[in-house]
Amino acid sequence: MNKDKRLFGFNRNIIFTGLTSFLTDTSVKMVYSVMPMFLMSIGASKTSLALIEGIAESTASLIKALSGFWSDRIGKNKPFMLIGYGLSALIIPIYTFVVTPLHVFYLRFIERFGKGIRTAPRDSLIAGSVTNGETGRSFGLQKALDNSGAIAGPLIAFVLLSQIPGNYRLIFAVGGIPALLAILVIIFGITEAKKSKHELFTRFHFNDFPLRYYFFLGIVFIFTLGNSTDALLLVKANEVGVEIALIPLVYLVTNAVSVLVSVPAGMLSDKVGKEKILVTGYLIYATVYYGFGVTTSTGAIVALFALYGLYSAATDSIQKAFVSDLIDKNKKGTGLGIYNALLGITLLPASLIAGFLYDKVNSSIPFYFGALTAMIAAVLMLIFLLIRKGKQSQCN
């Protein structure tokens, strides 16, 4: 791969991978921003809403580890991206024809299965295209473009719902168009990052990865256990008083803030250390979830969704960049795949816990639980940072 091919100061692969995510996320978030209300309109409970999301994400998550390892094994990423993004482009328009929550579950599983195939190879391609050690900046751009699609999608959904209230199926039909365009970007815009045979990672052993990598995965697990599906945030906003037609716009606020902050946050993490930014991100999350637990004000809900975007910019892409920094070049697909699989697998118990607490206890408890796990993660991340600094001092 020719690393001299650059656009706007980034490697071409990073730009076009981000554009692919932008188009696909426009489609996915157009659908996702109205899916909770659609599911409840066809008879789903809040528990089943969380269950559908949790099972779909978690069952397909093992594919993230397998696809990451396989991409390292054969030294190619592009085929996995084509298959994974292709499944999303195929499935999204089919939501138009569903009549029961079970139909949504089947389709959601297949669509998330596609995400499982593409995610780790895509992240590996980004990591392999980074120059000057700017992993935070590069993953930050990916996050910004991804969330730009998450702005465009809900905005289109809002316009359509405003013109034709309650017509969720029209949103599903229109949603397939950007996802189809994303496939063309992969085919014509992305260059395969080929590796020589001696660079390939052909056999997996747990001791191929450093202890600090597994320590960080433990922190991610604890944090994610309280980080259930965002669908419950949208349901809470509606219960507090935000009108259904405005729900996509409320969700748009989160993504708008994330777009603005992701690249600066990534650049800052490259300078001051990703551990410090992650501690900050976890603390912001704890504040947001505690706020969702106590608030009864629509104005406060909007402010919390904005703050949630700040958390997203300071955490999601920074975690991936940090994982990339912790592992060797020829193992990035596998390491990022295990990380992404852990996120998805943990979402099942997280969603089940949150859905149960929401339905059976009250609407505040799942948010207090999320705030608690985020605080624990922040403390553990601080310990991680202190241990690393202690080892550096001994070396010096």
Protein backbone atom coordinates (compact mmCIF):
# COMPACT_ATOMS: atom_id res chain seq x y z
CA MET A 1 0.00 0.00 0.00
CA ASN A 2 1.25 3.43 -0.92
CA LYS A 3 1.16 5.50 2.24
CA ASP A 4 1.99 8.68 0.27
CA LYS A 5 -1.57 8.84 -1.12
CA ARG A 6 -3.19 11.39 1.16
CA LEU A 7 -6.33 13.51 1.24
CA PHE A 8 -6.79 16.40 3.67
CA GLY A 9 -3.69 15.26 5.58
CA PHE A 10 -4.94 11.68 6.04
CA ASN A 11 -4.15 8.46 4.22
CA ARG A 12 -6.72 7.81 1.46
CA ASN A 13 -7.87 4.58 3.10
CA ILE A 14 -8.79 6.44 6.28
CA ILE A 15 -10.82 9.02 4.33
CA PHE A 16 -12.69 6.47 2.23
CA THR A 17 -13.24 4.12 5.16
CA GLY A 18 -14.76 7.06 7.02
CA LEU A 19 -16.96 7.88 4.01
CA THR A 20 -18.15 4.27 3.94
CA SER A 21 -19.08 4.52 7.61
CA PHE A 22 -20.80 7.87 7.01
CA LEU A 23 -23.07 6.47 4.32
CA THR A 24 -23.85 3.23 6.16
CA ASP A 25 -24.49 5.01 9.45
CA THR A 26 -26.84 7.41 7.66
CA SER A 27 -28.91 4.37 6.74
CA VAL A 28 -28.59 2.53 10.05
CA LYS A 29 -29.30 5.55 12.27
CA MET A 30 -32.21 6.64 10.08
CA VAL A 31 -33.77 3.30 10.99
CA TYR A 32 -32.40 3.07 14.55
CA SER A 33 -33.73 6.50 15.59
CA VAL A 34 -37.33 5.35 15.07
CA MET A 35 -37.00 1.61 15.71
CA PRO A 36 -37.91 1.75 19.46
CA MET A 37 -41.18 3.55 18.68
CA PHE A 38 -41.88 1.26 15.71
CA LEU A 39 -41.31 -1.87 17.81
CA MET A 40 -43.64 -0.64 20.54
CA SER A 41 -46.24 0.23 17.87
CA ILE A 42 -46.29 -3.44 16.80
CA GLY A 43 -46.51 -4.83 20.34
CA ALA A 44 -42.96 -4.96 21.78
CA SER A 45 -42.32 -4.29 25.49
CA LYS A 46 -39.29 -2.40 26.78
CA THR A 47 -37.76 -5.67 27.96
CA SER A 48 -38.17 -7.26 24.52
CA LEU A 49 -36.81 -4.07 22.97
CA ALA A 50 -33.62 -4.42 25.01
CA LEU A 51 -33.56 -8.19 24.43
CA ILE A 52 -33.74 -7.85 20.63
CA GLU A 53 -30.86 -5.39 20.64
CA GLY A 54 -28.78 -7.36 23.13
CA ILE A 55 -29.12 -10.76 21.46
CA ALA A 56 -28.54 -9.37 17.97
CA GLU A 57 -25.37 -7.58 19.04
CA SER A 58 -24.01 -10.29 21.31
CA THR A 59 -24.65 -13.38 19.20
CA ALA A 60 -22.92 -11.82 16.19
CA SER A 61 -20.06 -10.46 18.29
CA LEU A 62 -18.00 -13.63 18.15
CA ILE A 63 -17.78 -13.02 14.41
CA LYS A 64 -15.84 -9.82 15.16
CA ALA A 65 -13.00 -11.79 16.74
CA LEU A 66 -13.04 -14.46 14.04
CA SER A 67 -13.11 -11.97 11.15
CA GLY A 68 -10.30 -9.97 12.76
CA PHE A 69 -8.13 -13.07 13.14
CA TRP A 70 -8.93 -14.28 9.63
CA SER A 71 -8.06 -10.90 8.11
CA ASP A 72 -4.68 -11.07 9.89
CA ARG A 73 -4.24 -14.64 8.69
CA ILE A 74 -4.76 -13.90 5.00
CA GLY A 75 -3.45 -10.34 5.13
CA LYS A 76 -6.57 -8.77 3.59
CA ASN A 77 -9.36 -6.56 4.94
CA LYS A 78 -11.37 -5.38 1.94
CA PRO A 79 -13.33 -8.64 1.27
CA PHE A 80 -14.64 -8.65 4.86
CA MET A 81 -15.73 -5.03 4.50
CA LEU A 82 -17.59 -5.75 1.26
CA ILE A 83 -19.51 -8.68 2.76
CA GLY A 84 -20.25 -6.92 6.05
CA TYR A 85 -21.41 -3.62 4.61
CA GLY A 86 -23.22 -5.50 1.83
CA LEU A 87 -25.43 -7.28 4.39
CA SER A 88 -26.50 -3.93 5.86
CA ALA A 89 -27.35 -2.61 2.39
CA LEU A 90 -29.45 -5.73 1.77
CA ILE A 91 -31.29 -5.91 5.09
CA ILE A 92 -32.27 -2.29 5.81
CA PRO A 93 -34.95 -1.98 3.08
CA ILE A 94 -36.49 -5.32 4.15
CA TYR A 95 -37.57 -3.75 7.47
CA THR A 96 -40.33 -2.18 5.35
CA PHE A 97 -42.19 -5.49 5.26
CA VAL A 98 -42.00 -6.69 8.90
CA VAL A 99 -45.18 -7.12 10.95
CA THR A 100 -43.99 -8.58 14.30
CA PRO A 101 -41.11 -7.90 16.73
CA LEU A 102 -39.79 -11.38 15.89
CA HIS A 103 -39.29 -10.33 12.27
CA VAL A 104 -37.27 -7.34 13.47
CA PHE A 105 -35.18 -9.65 15.63
CA TYR A 106 -34.27 -11.90 12.68
CA LEU A 107 -33.35 -8.98 10.44
CA ARG A 108 -31.51 -7.15 13.19
CA PHE A 109 -29.45 -10.27 13.86
CA ILE A 110 -28.42 -10.62 10.20
CA GLU A 111 -27.60 -6.91 9.91
CA ARG A 112 -25.49 -7.01 13.08
CA PHE A 113 -23.87 -10.22 11.82
CA GLY A 114 -22.67 -8.14 8.89
CA LYS A 115 -21.27 -5.58 11.30
CA GLY A 116 -19.44 -8.42 13.05
CA ILE A 117 -17.80 -9.40 9.78
CA ARG A 118 -16.66 -5.91 8.83
CA THR A 119 -15.75 -4.13 12.07
CA ALA A 120 -12.37 -5.59 13.05
CA PRO A 121 -10.97 -5.75 9.48
CA ARG A 122 -12.06 -2.13 8.95
CA ASP A 123 -10.39 -1.01 12.18
CA SER A 124 -7.30 -3.03 11.25
CA LEU A 125 -7.19 -1.25 7.88
CA ILE A 126 -7.32 2.11 9.66
CA ALA A 127 -4.60 1.10 12.13
CA GLY A 128 -2.42 -0.16 9.28
CA SER A 129 -2.88 3.10 7.37
CA VAL A 130 -1.83 5.37 10.27
CA THR A 131 1.34 7.45 9.86
CA ASN A 132 3.40 9.28 12.51
CA GLY A 133 1.73 7.30 15.30
CA GLU A 134 -1.46 9.38 15.06
CA THR A 135 -3.86 6.60 16.00
CA GLY A 136 -6.06 8.88 18.10
CA ARG A 137 -6.40 11.42 15.29
CA SER A 138 -7.14 8.75 12.66
CA PHE A 139 -9.71 6.86 14.71
CA GLY A 140 -11.13 10.23 15.73
CA LEU A 141 -11.76 11.08 12.07
CA GLN A 142 -13.42 7.70 11.59
CA LYS A 143 -15.66 8.43 14.56
CA ALA A 144 -16.46 11.95 13.30
CA LEU A 145 -17.49 10.72 9.85
CA ASP A 146 -19.40 7.81 11.36
CA ASN A 147 -21.32 10.20 13.60
CA SER A 148 -21.88 12.62 10.72
CA GLY A 149 -23.95 9.82 9.22
CA ALA A 150 -25.63 9.48 12.60
CA ILE A 151 -26.65 13.15 12.22
CA ALA A 152 -27.84 12.86 8.63
CA GLY A 153 -29.88 9.71 9.32
CA PRO A 154 -32.06 11.01 12.19
CA LEU A 155 -32.42 14.37 10.38
CA ILE A 156 -33.82 12.64 7.29
CA ALA A 157 -36.07 10.54 9.55
CA PHE A 158 -37.32 13.71 11.25
CA VAL A 159 -38.17 15.35 7.91
CA LEU A 160 -40.02 12.25 6.72
CA LEU A 161 -41.93 11.85 10.00
CA SER A 162 -42.86 15.54 9.96
CA GLN A 163 -44.33 15.21 6.47
CA ILE A 164 -45.92 11.77 6.96
CA PRO A 165 -46.39 11.16 10.73
CA GLY A 166 -46.06 7.55 11.85
CA ASN A 167 -44.88 6.25 8.45
CA TYR A 168 -41.90 4.29 9.76
CA ARG A 169 -41.89 1.96 6.75
CA LEU A 170 -41.09 4.81 4.36
CA ILE A 171 -38.00 5.57 6.46
CA PHE A 172 -36.91 1.94 6.18
CA ALA A 173 -37.33 2.00 2.38
CA VAL A 174 -35.37 5.24 1.90
CA GLY A 175 -32.72 4.07 4.37
CA GLY A 176 -31.31 1.48 1.99
CA ILE A 177 -30.03 4.03 -0.55
CA PRO A 178 -26.97 5.43 1.32
CA ALA A 179 -25.94 1.91 2.38
CA LEU A 180 -25.85 0.87 -1.27
CA LEU A 181 -23.65 3.87 -2.13
CA ALA A 182 -21.23 2.79 0.62
CA ILE A 183 -20.54 -0.45 -1.27
CA LEU A 184 -19.41 1.57 -4.30
CA VAL A 185 -17.01 3.57 -2.11
CA ILE A 186 -15.39 0.35 -0.85
CA ILE A 187 -15.03 -1.05 -4.37
CA PHE A 188 -13.57 2.05 -6.00
CA GLY A 189 -12.05 4.06 -3.13
CA ILE A 190 -10.29 1.67 -0.73
CA THR A 191 -6.92 0.05 -1.47
CA GLU A 192 -6.12 -3.32 0.09
CA ALA A 193 -3.41 -3.15 2.75
CA LYS A 194 -1.52 -6.28 1.71
CA LYS A 195 1.11 -7.89 3.92
CA SER A 196 4.03 -10.13 3.08
CA LYS A 197 3.82 -13.79 4.16
CA HIS A 198 6.27 -13.40 7.05
CA GLU A 199 4.06 -10.65 8.55
CA LEU A 200 0.93 -12.80 8.71
CA PHE A 201 -0.46 -13.86 12.10
CA THR A 202 -1.32 -17.51 11.47
CA ARG A 203 -1.74 -19.05 14.93
CA PHE A 204 -3.45 -17.54 17.97
CA HIS A 205 -2.04 -17.85 21.49
CA PHE A 206 -3.23 -15.85 24.49
CA ASN A 207 0.37 -15.00 25.41
CA ASP A 208 0.78 -13.28 22.04
CA PHE A 209 -0.83 -10.24 23.68
CA PRO A 210 0.58 -8.27 26.64
CA LEU A 211 -0.95 -8.37 30.11
CA ARG A 212 -1.87 -4.68 29.92
CA TYR A 213 -4.09 -5.50 26.90
CA TYR A 214 -6.12 -7.97 28.99
CA PHE A 215 -6.23 -5.55 31.92
CA PHE A 216 -7.74 -2.93 29.65
CA LEU A 217 -10.26 -5.43 28.30
CA GLY A 218 -11.34 -6.06 31.91
CA ILE A 219 -11.94 -2.33 32.36
CA VAL A 220 -13.94 -2.22 29.12
CA PHE A 221 -16.05 -5.17 30.30
CA ILE A 222 -16.99 -3.48 33.58
CA PHE A 223 -17.83 -0.21 31.85
CA THR A 224 -19.88 -1.88 29.10
CA LEU A 225 -21.90 -3.88 31.64
CA GLY A 226 -23.65 -0.62 32.51
CA ASN A 227 -23.66 0.71 28.94
CA SER A 228 -26.87 -0.81 27.59
CA THR A 229 -28.63 -0.02 24.32
CA ASP A 230 -29.21 3.66 23.52
CA ALA A 231 -32.81 2.72 22.71
CA LEU A 232 -33.63 3.06 26.43
CA LEU A 233 -32.32 6.64 26.37
CA LEU A 234 -34.76 7.41 23.54
CA VAL A 235 -37.61 5.75 25.42
CA LYS A 236 -36.75 7.74 28.56
CA ALA A 237 -36.73 10.98 26.54
CA ASN A 238 -40.20 10.19 25.22
CA GLU A 239 -41.50 9.37 28.72
CA VAL A 240 -40.13 12.63 30.11
CA GLY A 241 -42.07 14.53 27.47
CA VAL A 242 -40.14 14.74 24.20
CA GLU A 243 -42.57 14.22 21.31
CA ILE A 244 -42.02 11.17 19.10
CA ALA A 245 -41.42 13.27 15.98
CA LEU A 246 -38.66 15.14 17.84
CA ILE A 247 -36.88 12.00 19.12
CA PRO A 248 -34.63 11.76 16.02
CA LEU A 249 -33.57 15.39 16.56
CA VAL A 250 -32.72 14.75 20.20
CA TYR A 251 -30.55 11.83 19.13
CA LEU A 252 -29.01 14.11 16.49
CA VAL A 253 -27.72 16.42 19.26
CA THR A 254 -25.53 13.61 20.62
CA ASN A 255 -23.98 12.90 17.26
CA ALA A 256 -23.48 16.57 16.39
CA VAL A 257 -21.42 17.11 19.53
CA SER A 258 -19.46 13.90 18.89
CA VAL A 259 -18.63 14.99 15.32
CA LEU A 260 -17.29 18.34 16.51
CA VAL A 261 -15.17 16.89 19.32
CA SER A 262 -13.95 13.49 18.01
CA VAL A 263 -10.92 14.66 15.99
CA PRO A 264 -9.74 17.23 18.59
CA ALA A 265 -10.18 14.60 21.33
CA GLY A 266 -8.18 12.11 19.27
CA MET A 267 -5.39 14.63 18.66
CA LEU A 268 -5.33 15.51 22.36
CA SER A 269 -5.10 11.83 23.29
CA ASP A 270 -2.05 11.44 21.03
CA LYS A 271 -0.39 14.29 22.97
CA VAL A 272 -1.38 13.79 26.62
CA GLY A 273 -2.05 10.04 26.66
CA LYS A 274 -5.18 8.06 25.87
CA GLU A 275 -5.59 6.85 29.47
CA LYS A 276 -6.29 10.40 30.70
CA ILE A 277 -8.92 11.02 28.03
CA LEU A 278 -10.60 7.69 28.80
CA VAL A 279 -10.81 8.47 32.52
CA THR A 280 -12.49 11.76 31.58
CA GLY A 281 -14.87 10.00 29.19
CA TYR A 282 -15.97 7.46 31.81
CA LEU A 283 -16.62 10.22 34.34
CA ILE A 284 -18.71 12.14 31.80
CA TYR A 285 -20.73 8.98 31.13
CA ALA A 286 -21.36 8.52 34.87
CA THR A 287 -22.62 12.09 35.07
CA VAL A 288 -24.91 11.65 32.06
CA TYR A 289 -26.47 8.41 33.28
CA TYR A 290 -27.01 9.78 36.77
CA GLY A 291 -28.70 12.75 35.13
CA PHE A 292 -31.03 10.49 33.14
CA GLY A 293 -31.94 8.80 36.40
CA VAL A 294 -32.98 11.96 38.21
CA THR A 295 -34.29 14.35 35.56
CA THR A 296 -37.93 15.05 34.70
CA SER A 297 -37.20 18.03 32.45
CA THR A 298 -37.16 17.95 28.65
CA GLY A 299 -34.58 20.75 28.63
CA ALA A 300 -32.29 18.69 30.86
CA ILE A 301 -32.77 15.70 28.56
CA VAL A 302 -31.47 17.69 25.58
CA ALA A 303 -28.47 18.89 27.61
CA LEU A 304 -27.73 15.31 28.71
CA PHE A 305 -27.85 14.06 25.11
CA ALA A 306 -25.32 16.79 24.21
CA LEU A 307 -23.08 15.70 27.08
CA TYR A 308 -23.52 12.11 25.92
CA GLY A 309 -21.95 13.15 22.61
CA LEU A 310 -18.96 14.51 24.51
CA TYR A 311 -18.59 11.15 26.28
CA SER A 312 -18.78 9.34 22.93
CA ALA A 313 -16.02 11.47 21.41
CA ALA A 314 -13.78 10.96 24.45
CA THR A 315 -14.29 7.21 24.68
CA ASP A 316 -15.42 5.19 21.65
CA SER A 317 -12.64 5.96 19.15
CA ILE A 318 -10.04 6.49 21.88
CA GLN A 319 -10.60 2.95 23.18
CA LYS A 320 -9.95 1.55 19.70
CA ALA A 321 -6.86 3.70 19.25
CA PHE A 322 -5.57 2.60 22.65
CA VAL A 323 -6.09 -1.09 21.80
CA SER A 324 -4.23 -0.50 18.53
CA ASP A 325 -1.31 1.02 20.46
CA LEU A 326 -1.16 -1.95 22.85
CA ILE A 327 -0.66 -4.68 20.23
CA ASP A 328 1.81 -5.54 17.47
CA LYS A 329 1.22 -4.55 13.85
CA ASN A 330 0.51 -8.07 12.56
CA LYS A 331 -2.03 -8.77 15.32
CA LYS A 332 -4.16 -5.62 15.09
CA GLY A 333 -7.10 -7.31 13.36
CA THR A 334 -7.20 -10.05 15.98
CA GLY A 335 -6.71 -7.71 18.93
CA LEU A 336 -9.32 -5.23 17.70
CA GLY A 337 -11.63 -8.14 16.88
CA ILE A 338 -11.44 -9.50 20.45
CA TYR A 339 -12.07 -5.99 21.78
CA ASN A 340 -15.10 -5.45 19.52
CA ALA A 341 -16.42 -8.93 20.34
CA LEU A 342 -16.17 -8.17 24.07
CA LEU A 343 -18.21 -5.00 23.59
CA GLY A 344 -20.95 -6.85 21.74
CA ILE A 345 -21.08 -9.88 24.01
CA THR A 346 -21.30 -7.72 27.13
CA LEU A 347 -24.18 -5.79 25.59
CA LEU A 348 -26.49 -8.81 26.09
CA PRO A 349 -26.27 -8.93 29.91
CA ALA A 350 -26.10 -5.13 29.98
CA SER A 351 -29.33 -4.83 27.97
CA LEU A 352 -31.07 -7.59 29.93
CA ILE A 353 -30.14 -5.95 33.24
CA ALA A 354 -31.23 -2.50 32.06
CA GLY A 355 -34.47 -3.73 30.49
CA PHE A 356 -35.41 -5.73 33.58
CA LEU A 357 -34.65 -2.86 35.94
CA TYR A 358 -36.60 -0.44 33.72
CA ASP A 359 -39.71 -2.65 33.48
CA LYS A 360 -39.72 -4.34 36.89
CA VAL A 361 -38.22 -1.75 39.28
CA ASN A 362 -38.40 1.81 37.91
CA SER A 363 -37.06 3.92 35.05
CA SER A 364 -34.24 5.47 37.11
CA ILE A 365 -32.44 2.38 38.42
CA PRO A 366 -30.80 1.22 35.15
CA PHE A 367 -29.24 4.65 34.76
CA TYR A 368 -27.89 4.65 38.31
CA PHE A 369 -26.40 1.21 37.61
CA GLY A 370 -24.68 2.55 34.47
CA ALA A 371 -23.29 5.50 36.41
CA LEU A 372 -21.84 3.12 39.02
CA THR A 373 -20.07 0.86 36.51
CA ALA A 374 -18.63 3.93 34.74
CA MET A 375 -17.21 5.23 38.03
CA ILE A 376 -15.57 1.86 38.72
CA ALA A 377 -14.09 1.85 35.20
CA ALA A 378 -12.70 5.36 35.72
CA VAL A 379 -10.97 4.30 38.94
CA LEU A 380 -9.48 1.19 37.30
CA MET A 381 -8.29 3.24 34.32
CA LEU A 382 -6.58 5.63 36.73
CA ILE A 383 -4.85 2.65 38.37
CA PHE A 384 -3.78 1.48 34.90
CA LEU A 385 -2.23 4.90 34.26
CA LEU A 386 -0.42 4.97 37.62
CA ILE A 387 1.00 1.47 37.07
CA ARG A 388 2.31 2.45 33.63
CA LYS A 389 3.91 5.60 34.99
CA GLY A 390 5.48 3.61 37.82
CA LYS A 391 7.05 1.17 35.36
CA GLN A 392 8.33 4.04 33.22
CA SER A 393 9.95 5.62 36.29
CA GLN A 394 11.70 2.34 37.15
CA CYS A 395 13.03 2.05 33.60
CA ASN A 396 14.40 5.58 33.79
